[in-house]
C-alpha atoms as a PDB file:
ATOM      1  CA  UNK A   1       0.000   0.000   0.000  1.00  0.00           C
ATOM      2  CA  UNK A   2       1.272   3.464  -0.895  1.00  0.00           C
ATOM      3  CA  UNK A   3       2.141   5.970   1.818  1.00  0.00           C
ATOM      4  CA  UNK A   4      -0.215   8.504   0.257  1.00  0.00           C
ATOM      5  CA  UNK A   5      -3.657   8.695  -1.335  1.00  0.00           C
ATOM      6  CA  UNK A   6      -2.873  10.967  -4.271  1.00  0.00           C
ATOM      7  CA  UNK A   7       0.180  12.156  -6.166  1.00  0.00           C
ATOM      8  CA  UNK A   8       0.784  15.573  -7.677  1.00  0.00           C
ATOM      9  CA  UNK A   9       3.765  16.047  -9.981  1.00  0.00           C
ATOM     10  CA  UNK A  10       4.610  19.747 -10.078  1.00  0.00           C
ATOM     11  CA  UNK A  11       8.061  19.232 -11.616  1.00  0.00           C
ATOM     12  CA  UNK A  12       9.195  22.139 -13.784  1.00  0.00           C
ATOM     13  CA  UNK A  13       6.728  24.549 -12.190  1.00  0.00           C
ATOM     14  CA  UNK A  14       7.925  27.550 -10.223  1.00  0.00           C
ATOM     15  CA  UNK A  15       6.393  29.309  -7.249  1.00  0.00           C
ATOM     16  CA  UNK A  16       3.512  29.736  -6.709  1.00  0.00           C
ATOM     17  CA  UNK A  17       2.249  27.033  -9.074  1.00  0.00           C
ATOM     18  CA  UNK A  18       3.212  23.963  -6.965  1.00  0.00           C
ATOM     19  CA  UNK A  19       1.347  25.478  -3.997  1.00  0.00           C
ATOM     20  CA  UNK A  20      -1.690  26.404  -6.088  1.00  0.00           C
ATOM     21  CA  UNK A  21      -1.867  22.913  -7.601  1.00  0.00           C
ATOM     22  CA  UNK A  22      -1.501  21.329  -4.162  1.00  0.00           C
ATOM     23  CA  UNK A  23      -4.209  23.586  -2.750  1.00  0.00           C
ATOM     24  CA  UNK A  24      -6.565  22.526  -5.543  1.00  0.00           C
ATOM     25  CA  UNK A  25      -5.734  18.831  -5.115  1.00  0.00           C
ATOM     26  CA  UNK A  26      -6.243  19.011  -1.339  1.00  0.00           C
ATOM     27  CA  UNK A  27      -9.599  20.735  -1.783  1.00  0.00           C
ATOM     28  CA  UNK A  28     -10.837  17.646  -3.667  1.00  0.00           C
ATOM     29  CA  UNK A  29      -9.669  15.268  -0.933  1.00  0.00           C
ATOM     30  CA  UNK A  30     -11.195  13.934   2.289  1.00  0.00           C
ATOM     31  CA  UNK A  31      -9.859  14.794   5.747  1.00  0.00           C
ATOM     32  CA  UNK A  32      -6.891  12.629   6.802  1.00  0.00           C
ATOM     33  CA  UNK A  33      -6.035  11.703   3.216  1.00  0.00           C
ATOM     34  CA  UNK A  34      -2.450  12.323   2.167  1.00  0.00           C
ATOM     35  CA  UNK A  35      -1.023  13.968  -0.932  1.00  0.00           C
ATOM     36  CA  UNK A  36       2.470  13.437  -2.316  1.00  0.00           C
ATOM     37  CA  UNK A  37       3.779  16.530  -4.102  1.00  0.00           C
ATOM     38  CA  UNK A  38       6.854  16.340  -6.321  1.00  0.00           C
ATOM     39  CA  UNK A  39       8.527  19.650  -7.149  1.00  0.00           C
ATOM     40  CA  UNK A  40      11.795  20.778  -8.743  1.00  0.00           C
ATOM     41  CA  UNK A  41      11.600  24.321  -7.338  1.00  0.00           C
ATOM     42  CA  UNK A  42      14.048  24.695  -4.391  1.00  0.00           C
ATOM     43  CA  UNK A  43      11.853  27.515  -3.054  1.00  0.00           C
ATOM     44  CA  UNK A  44       9.013  25.065  -2.581  1.00  0.00           C
ATOM     45  CA  UNK A  45      10.605  23.760   0.648  1.00  0.00           C
ATOM     46  CA  UNK A  46       9.887  27.005   2.490  1.00  0.00           C
ATOM     47  CA  UNK A  47       6.654  27.492   0.529  1.00  0.00           C
ATOM     48  CA  UNK A  48       5.158  24.189   1.677  1.00  0.00           C
ATOM     49  CA  UNK A  49       6.220  24.792   5.295  1.00  0.00           C
ATOM     50  CA  UNK A  50       4.418  28.152   5.199  1.00  0.00           C
ATOM     51  CA  UNK A  51       1.443  26.648   3.323  1.00  0.00           C
ATOM     52  CA  UNK A  52       1.033  23.981   6.023  1.00  0.00           C
ATOM     53  CA  UNK A  53       1.073  26.612   8.775  1.00  0.00           C
ATOM     54  CA  UNK A  54      -1.403  28.856   6.945  1.00  0.00           C
ATOM     55  CA  UNK A  55      -3.881  26.138   5.992  1.00  0.00           C
ATOM     56  CA  UNK A  56      -3.636  23.833   8.998  1.00  0.00           C
ATOM     57  CA  UNK A  57      -2.831  20.884   6.735  1.00  0.00           C
ATOM     58  CA  UNK A  58      -0.027  18.748   8.115  1.00  0.00           C
ATOM     59  CA  UNK A  59       3.334  18.537   6.345  1.00  0.00           C
ATOM     60  CA  UNK A  60       4.250  14.934   7.195  1.00  0.00           C
ATOM     61  CA  UNK A  61       7.545  14.846   5.328  1.00  0.00           C
ATOM     62  CA  UNK A  62       9.829  16.961   3.197  1.00  0.00           C
ATOM     63  CA  UNK A  63      12.688  15.261   1.371  1.00  0.00           C
ATOM     64  CA  UNK A  64      15.076  16.083  -1.450  1.00  0.00           C
ATOM     65  CA  UNK A  65      16.523  13.545  -3.831  1.00  0.00           C
ATOM     66  CA  UNK A  66      18.657  14.543  -6.801  1.00  0.00           C
ATOM     67  CA  UNK A  67      16.984  17.914  -7.306  1.00  0.00           C
ATOM     68  CA  UNK A  68      13.472  16.587  -6.768  1.00  0.00           C
ATOM     69  CA  UNK A  69      11.673  17.745  -3.668  1.00  0.00           C
ATOM     70  CA  UNK A  70       8.992  15.469  -2.270  1.00  0.00           C
ATOM     71  CA  UNK A  71       6.397  16.551   0.249  1.00  0.00           C
ATOM     72  CA  UNK A  72       3.690  14.496   1.884  1.00  0.00           C
ATOM     73  CA  UNK A  73       0.794  16.560   3.168  1.00  0.00           C
ATOM     74  CA  UNK A  74      -2.122  15.331   5.234  1.00  0.00           C
ATOM     75  CA  UNK A  75      -5.414  17.132   4.784  1.00  0.00           C
ATOM     76  CA  UNK A  76      -6.792  18.380   8.083  1.00  0.00           C
END
């Protein structure tokens, strides 16, 4: 079983597009579901931390692997 319910690939998109796409994806999800976001924008690390604080959604993990940033968010 996957560690997340949905996946959003925002590779190649710059701020604020990864956040906007994630916001839209989360709005279509149920509470406690998780969303994996993949981004190539280094600024998205701080963006998703701020987004989690502002929206109350939980940032479960934030990892970087070879220039790809992966975030797992849990909808509150």
